[in-house]
Structure formats: structure tokens, C-alpha cells
Amino acid sequence: MRIEERLILASASPRRRELLAQAGLQFEVMPAHVPEDPLPGEEAIAYVTRLAREKAETVLAELAKKGGADGLAVLGADTTVTLDEEILGKPADAEDAARMLRRLSGRSHRVITGVALATARGTEVAAEVTAVRFCTLSEEEIEAYVATGEPMDKAGAYAIQGRAARWIPRIEGCYFNVMGLPLALVWALLEGRRQKG
């Protein structure tokens, strides 16, 4: 990323804000408001990269109307969970959260995050995939976890950095991806942008 570029995070996610700050990046937050439903037959990687692109380009367009897009780099991201080719987004309600957790119980699933970096010179898109193993959960554990409210705004109905950590014996891939923002991938996009000048 060029020094004069302002980095804008097109997300309201507190986890993404925390991760960017943890990486030492200076940024502003301007959440994008785009529909998040998958298209008919859309595969998970295509789904999250499309949403990441739409979020980044929507915010870039809004900022461009206010004074031009030069000097702006907008980061969009979207995370989902997949199991048996089914996309598990954010649960609709407590019953849906419990359904998702029953499906994840005792199995491995994939967490996929799409990221997009949009500037006046174009948009670059990439995706990160992490495999996550869940322990077998009892109905009591599922009910107690759902009652905390933690699963309600999380793809796949759990937060690896929260109470669900006790049920995840191993992952294969980027931990930060499971939290919602693969930092090494984001840094590579930013560095690539800077080097291209």
C-alpha cells in the first residue's frame, strides 16, 4: 500500500477491527451494506469473494462521490463455514444456531474468508481456507452455548476466540481466518498494491 493511501475497512465486525489493529495497521471503518444471501448454486469461495468485492467496491464508490477515490484503499471481507458443500452463514435464530452446531459436532469443516482490496486502479480478490475440527457436543452443551448469545452473529454459529475454543482440538491453516480476517493474506494484498505503486 502506498504511504499516501488511506485504508478503509468496509466492515462493522469488531473482530476484523481488532485484528487489523493487532497487525499495526492504521485504518478507518466504513461498513458496507450489501445483501449477503448466496446466489442459487453459488459455491462457497465464489460466494465470499463476491461479497468481499461488493463490500469494498460499494464503499469505494460512496467515498468517490464525496471527493474522489484517489489515495483510498478499501478492504472488504466476508467469512463463511461450509460442511458437505452447504454454506453455513450466520444463524437466523437460536434454533438455527443449534442446528448448525449439531451438524458441526464431531466433524471437520472448512472456514473460508474472501478478501478484496479496491482502489481507483482496480480490485484484487483472494480467499483463505482453514479446516477446523470440532469435538462431539452434547445437547446440553449446545443449548448452554446458544443461550450465551455468542453464536448469533457468527458464521457457522461459533466463535473460535470465544467459548467454543474448548471444543476445537485442532485446525489446519490460518487461525485468524477462522476469526474472520486472514492477516497474512491481507498483508500480502496490501504489500502487492504498494509494490505496484
Protein backbone atom coordinates (compact mmCIF):
# COMPACT_ATOMS: atom_id res chain seq x y z
CA MET A 1 0.00 0.00 0.00
CA ARG A 2 1.37 3.41 -0.89
CA ILE A 3 2.08 5.70 2.03
CA GLU A 4 -0.48 8.29 0.91
CA GLU A 5 -3.30 5.73 0.70
CA ARG A 6 -5.93 5.73 3.41
CA LEU A 7 -7.03 2.24 4.35
CA ILE A 8 -10.78 1.88 4.87
CA LEU A 9 -12.29 -1.27 6.42
CA ALA A 10 -15.67 -1.94 4.80
CA SER A 11 -16.92 -3.98 7.76
CA ALA A 12 -18.68 -3.43 11.07
CA SER A 13 -17.06 -6.56 12.56
CA PRO A 14 -15.31 -5.80 15.86
CA ARG A 15 -13.12 -8.85 15.31
CA ARG A 16 -11.83 -7.53 11.99
CA ARG A 17 -11.13 -4.16 13.59
CA GLU A 18 -9.20 -5.83 16.41
CA LEU A 19 -7.15 -7.94 14.01
CA LEU A 20 -6.17 -5.02 11.77
CA ALA A 21 -5.17 -3.01 14.83
CA GLN A 22 -3.22 -6.00 16.17
CA ALA A 23 -1.28 -6.07 12.88
CA GLY A 24 -0.30 -2.45 13.44
CA LEU A 25 -2.32 -1.01 10.55
CA GLN A 26 -3.85 2.46 10.59
CA PHE A 27 -7.36 2.40 9.16
CA GLU A 28 -10.84 3.91 9.24
CA VAL A 29 -14.12 2.00 9.43
CA MET A 30 -16.98 2.46 6.98
CA PRO A 31 -19.30 -0.57 6.95
CA ALA A 32 -20.78 -1.67 3.64
CA HIS A 33 -24.44 -2.57 3.41
CA VAL A 34 -24.93 -5.22 0.74
CA PRO A 35 -27.26 -8.26 0.61
CA GLU A 36 -25.42 -11.31 1.94
CA ASP A 37 -27.51 -14.17 0.56
CA PRO A 38 -25.72 -16.69 -1.67
CA LEU A 39 -26.85 -16.88 -5.27
CA PRO A 40 -28.55 -20.11 -6.43
CA GLY A 41 -25.90 -22.80 -6.88
CA GLU A 42 -23.08 -20.46 -5.80
CA GLU A 43 -20.07 -22.26 -4.31
CA ALA A 44 -18.57 -21.04 -1.04
CA ILE A 45 -15.35 -19.50 -2.38
CA ALA A 46 -17.23 -17.70 -5.16
CA TYR A 47 -19.77 -16.52 -2.58
CA VAL A 48 -17.32 -14.97 -0.09
CA THR A 49 -15.08 -13.42 -2.74
CA ARG A 50 -18.11 -11.89 -4.48
CA LEU A 51 -19.35 -10.39 -1.21
CA ALA A 52 -15.88 -9.11 -0.29
CA ARG A 53 -15.62 -7.43 -3.70
CA GLU A 54 -19.13 -5.96 -3.46
CA LYS A 55 -18.44 -4.55 0.02
CA ALA A 56 -15.11 -2.99 -0.96
CA GLU A 57 -16.36 -1.55 -4.26
CA THR A 58 -19.59 -0.22 -2.71
CA VAL A 59 -17.69 1.75 -0.07
CA LEU A 60 -15.11 2.95 -2.61
CA ALA A 61 -17.92 4.23 -4.85
CA GLU A 62 -19.59 6.02 -1.92
CA LEU A 63 -16.32 7.70 -0.94
CA ALA A 64 -15.54 8.59 -4.56
CA LYS A 65 -18.81 10.52 -4.75
CA LYS A 66 -17.68 12.60 -1.77
CA GLY A 67 -14.34 13.64 -3.22
CA GLY A 68 -12.67 11.12 -5.44
CA ALA A 69 -11.17 7.67 -4.89
CA ASP A 70 -7.53 8.64 -5.35
CA GLY A 71 -5.50 7.79 -2.29
CA LEU A 72 -8.07 5.32 -0.95
CA ALA A 73 -7.74 1.57 -0.45
CA VAL A 74 -10.90 -0.17 0.73
CA LEU A 75 -10.70 -3.61 2.33
CA GLY A 76 -13.78 -5.84 2.12
CA ALA A 77 -14.09 -9.28 3.71
CA ASP A 78 -16.67 -12.00 4.17
CA THR A 79 -16.40 -15.29 6.06
CA THR A 80 -18.50 -18.43 5.85
CA VAL A 81 -18.43 -22.01 7.09
CA THR A 82 -19.04 -25.00 4.82
CA LEU A 83 -19.88 -28.59 5.61
CA ASP A 84 -20.83 -31.16 2.98
CA GLU A 85 -20.94 -28.33 0.40
CA GLU A 86 -23.59 -26.48 2.45
CA ILE A 87 -22.87 -22.84 3.27
CA LEU A 88 -23.48 -22.17 6.96
CA GLY A 89 -23.85 -18.43 7.35
CA LYS A 90 -24.99 -16.52 10.41
CA PRO A 91 -27.86 -18.31 12.20
CA ALA A 92 -31.33 -16.88 11.75
CA ASP A 93 -32.30 -17.64 15.35
CA ALA A 94 -31.39 -19.84 18.34
CA GLU A 95 -32.94 -22.94 16.76
CA ASP A 96 -30.89 -22.43 13.60
CA ALA A 97 -27.71 -21.96 15.67
CA ALA A 98 -28.36 -25.25 17.49
CA ARG A 99 -28.97 -26.98 14.14
CA MET A 100 -25.61 -25.77 12.81
CA LEU A 101 -23.74 -26.82 15.94
CA ARG A 102 -25.28 -30.31 15.76
CA ARG A 103 -24.03 -30.57 12.18
CA LEU A 104 -20.50 -29.46 13.14
CA SER A 105 -20.34 -31.75 16.18
CA GLY A 106 -17.63 -34.42 15.91
CA ARG A 107 -16.63 -33.42 12.38
CA SER A 108 -14.22 -31.26 10.41
CA HIS A 109 -15.48 -28.33 8.38
CA ARG A 110 -14.00 -25.51 6.34
CA VAL A 111 -13.91 -21.81 7.16
CA ILE A 112 -13.49 -19.64 4.07
CA THR A 113 -12.84 -15.91 4.03
CA GLY A 114 -12.86 -13.83 0.89
CA VAL A 115 -10.92 -10.56 0.94
CA ALA A 116 -10.92 -7.74 -1.60
CA LEU A 117 -8.82 -4.59 -1.84
CA ALA A 118 -10.42 -1.91 -4.01
CA THR A 119 -8.70 1.26 -5.20
CA ALA A 120 -9.16 3.66 -8.11
CA ARG A 121 -6.79 1.37 -10.06
CA GLY A 122 -8.98 -1.72 -9.65
CA THR A 123 -9.85 -4.51 -7.22
CA GLU A 124 -7.82 -7.52 -6.16
CA VAL A 125 -9.58 -10.51 -4.63
CA ALA A 126 -8.30 -13.59 -2.80
CA ALA A 127 -9.57 -16.28 -0.42
CA GLU A 128 -8.22 -18.27 2.53
CA VAL A 129 -9.43 -21.72 3.60
CA THR A 130 -8.91 -23.29 7.04
CA ALA A 131 -10.01 -26.75 8.19
CA VAL A 132 -11.47 -26.85 11.72
CA ARG A 133 -12.13 -29.97 13.80
CA PHE A 134 -14.94 -29.98 16.37
CA CYS A 135 -15.29 -32.33 19.33
CA THR A 136 -18.56 -34.18 19.77
CA LEU A 137 -21.03 -31.92 21.57
CA SER A 138 -23.87 -32.97 23.84
CA GLU A 139 -27.33 -31.42 23.52
CA GLU A 140 -26.75 -29.78 26.91
CA GLU A 141 -23.52 -28.18 25.71
CA ILE A 142 -25.20 -26.92 22.54
CA GLU A 143 -28.18 -25.48 24.43
CA ALA A 144 -25.96 -23.78 27.02
CA TYR A 145 -23.73 -22.28 24.33
CA VAL A 146 -26.64 -20.97 22.27
CA ALA A 147 -28.12 -19.45 25.44
CA THR A 148 -24.99 -17.26 25.83
CA GLY A 149 -25.88 -15.48 22.58
CA GLU A 150 -22.31 -15.83 21.29
CA PRO A 151 -23.24 -17.87 18.19
CA MET A 152 -25.86 -15.46 16.90
CA ASP A 153 -23.78 -13.17 14.67
CA LYS A 154 -21.12 -15.72 13.69
CA ALA A 155 -20.86 -17.76 10.51
CA GLY A 156 -21.34 -21.41 11.48
CA ALA A 157 -22.76 -20.32 14.87
CA TYR A 158 -19.49 -20.28 16.83
CA ALA A 159 -16.52 -18.08 17.71
CA ILE A 160 -13.13 -19.80 17.89
CA GLN A 161 -11.84 -16.95 20.07
CA GLY A 162 -14.79 -17.36 22.46
CA ARG A 163 -16.34 -20.18 24.46
CA ALA A 164 -16.27 -22.58 21.50
CA ALA A 165 -12.45 -22.72 21.73
CA ARG A 166 -12.77 -25.59 24.22
CA TRP A 167 -14.34 -27.80 21.53
CA ILE A 168 -11.72 -27.25 18.81
CA PRO A 169 -8.76 -29.60 19.30
CA ARG A 170 -7.04 -28.63 16.05
CA ILE A 171 -7.14 -26.56 12.91
CA GLU A 172 -5.23 -26.77 9.65
CA GLY A 173 -4.47 -23.35 8.25
CA CYS A 174 -4.75 -19.74 9.39
CA TYR A 175 -6.24 -19.19 12.86
CA PHE A 176 -7.04 -15.56 12.10
CA ASN A 177 -9.04 -16.69 9.08
CA VAL A 178 -11.39 -18.54 11.44
CA MET A 179 -11.78 -15.29 13.40
CA GLY A 180 -12.81 -13.54 10.18
CA LEU A 181 -9.70 -11.94 8.66
CA PRO A 182 -6.62 -13.85 7.38
CA LEU A 183 -3.98 -11.27 8.29
CA ALA A 184 -1.11 -12.70 6.24
CA LEU A 185 -3.28 -12.73 3.12
CA VAL A 186 -4.46 -9.16 3.76
CA TRP A 187 -0.87 -8.03 4.28
CA ALA A 188 0.16 -9.70 1.01
CA LEU A 189 -2.58 -7.79 -0.84
CA LEU A 190 -1.53 -4.50 0.76
CA GLU A 191 2.15 -5.11 0.02
CA GLY A 192 1.38 -6.13 -3.54
CA ARG A 193 -0.56 -2.92 -4.02
CA ARG A 194 2.31 -0.86 -2.60
CA GLN A 195 4.89 -2.54 -4.83
CA LYS A 196 2.80 -1.94 -7.91
CA GLY A 197 2.74 1.70 -6.88
